[in-house]
Protein backbone atom coordinates (compact mmCIF):
# COMPACT_ATOMS: atom_id res chain seq x y z
CA HIS A 1 20.67 0.18 1.55
CA LYS A 2 18.71 2.66 -0.53
CA LEU A 3 15.22 3.87 0.27
CA ARG A 4 12.67 4.97 -2.30
CA VAL A 5 9.58 6.77 -0.97
CA ARG A 6 6.61 7.38 -3.26
CA THR A 7 3.32 9.10 -2.45
CA PHE A 8 0.04 7.87 -3.94
CA SER A 9 -3.55 9.05 -3.82
CA LEU A 10 -6.60 6.98 -4.67
CA ALA A 11 -10.12 8.30 -5.08
CA THR A 12 -13.02 6.32 -3.65
CA GLY A 13 -13.24 3.01 -5.52
CA GLY A 14 -9.74 3.44 -7.00
CA GLN A 15 -7.09 0.76 -7.07
CA ARG A 16 -3.56 0.09 -8.29
CA GLU A 17 -1.38 -2.99 -8.58
CA GLU A 18 2.21 -3.21 -7.44
CA SER A 19 4.67 -6.03 -8.10
CA ILE A 20 6.71 -6.52 -4.92
CA SER A 21 10.31 -7.64 -5.42
CA ASP A 22 12.16 -5.81 -2.62
CA PRO A 23 11.19 -5.46 1.05
CA ASN A 24 8.78 -2.58 1.48
CA PHE A 25 5.96 -1.19 3.54
CA VAL A 26 3.04 1.19 3.23
CA TYR A 27 2.29 4.06 5.60
CA VAL A 28 -1.28 5.39 5.36
CA ILE A 29 -1.50 9.17 5.65
CA GLU A 30 -5.25 9.59 5.20
CA GLY A 31 -8.16 7.16 4.76
CA THR A 32 -8.12 3.35 4.92
CA LEU A 33 -6.06 1.19 2.56
CA THR A 34 -7.21 -2.30 1.61
CA THR A 35 -4.42 -4.56 0.33
CA SER A 36 -4.83 -8.00 -1.17
CA ALA A 37 -2.21 -10.53 -2.18
CA GLY A 38 -3.79 -13.77 -3.32
CA LYS A 39 -6.38 -14.70 -0.69
CA ASP A 40 -4.83 -12.50 2.03
CA VAL A 41 -6.69 -9.22 2.56
CA SER A 42 -5.87 -6.54 5.13
CA ARG A 43 -7.07 -3.04 5.96
CA THR A 44 -4.78 -0.35 7.30
CA GLU A 45 -6.09 2.91 8.78
CA ALA A 46 -4.49 6.37 8.80
CA ASN A 47 -1.29 6.77 10.84
CA LYS A 48 -0.54 3.03 10.63
CA ALA A 49 1.95 1.02 8.56
CA VAL A 50 1.91 -2.47 7.08
CA SER A 51 4.63 -4.51 5.39
CA LEU A 52 3.86 -6.09 2.02
CA PRO A 53 4.65 -9.70 1.07
CA LEU A 54 7.66 -10.31 -1.19
CA ALA A 55 7.61 -11.84 -4.66
CA THR A 56 3.93 -11.27 -5.28
CA GLN A 57 1.45 -8.96 -6.97
CA VAL A 58 -0.36 -6.74 -4.46
CA VAL A 59 -3.59 -4.86 -5.19
CA MET A 60 -4.13 -1.67 -3.21
CA LYS A 61 -7.68 -0.31 -3.03
CA ASN A 62 -9.66 2.55 -1.58
CA GLU A 63 -12.92 0.93 -0.54
CA GLY A 64 -13.79 3.82 1.78
CA THR A 65 -15.90 6.92 1.23
CA ALA A 66 -13.04 9.42 1.61
CA ALA A 67 -9.82 10.13 -0.26
CA LEU A 68 -6.86 7.85 0.43
CA ARG A 69 -3.23 8.97 0.58
CA TYR A 70 -0.33 6.68 1.40
CA LEU A 71 3.44 6.33 1.17
CA LEU A 72 5.03 3.28 -0.42
CA VAL A 73 8.55 2.80 0.94
CA ASP A 74 10.91 0.38 -0.86
CA VAL A 75 14.15 -0.84 0.71
CA HIS A 76 16.79 -1.79 -1.86
CA PRO A 77 19.83 -3.73 -0.63
């Protein structure tokens, strides 16, 4: 397997979309990350991780009042 680790920052109110095709997870370094995939919405706080659903478009948002930094880790078979 190969791992790809990317670091992202989002200002308050910022968001980005990610198309998920390989297993991956997000580790939040600072702030609170809100993820939504269809009708499913979750919030992940600093020092926590969450896996993302496969074969879907995921929106990642910073709905907090502080900066958000997170790692997106992809696992490629």
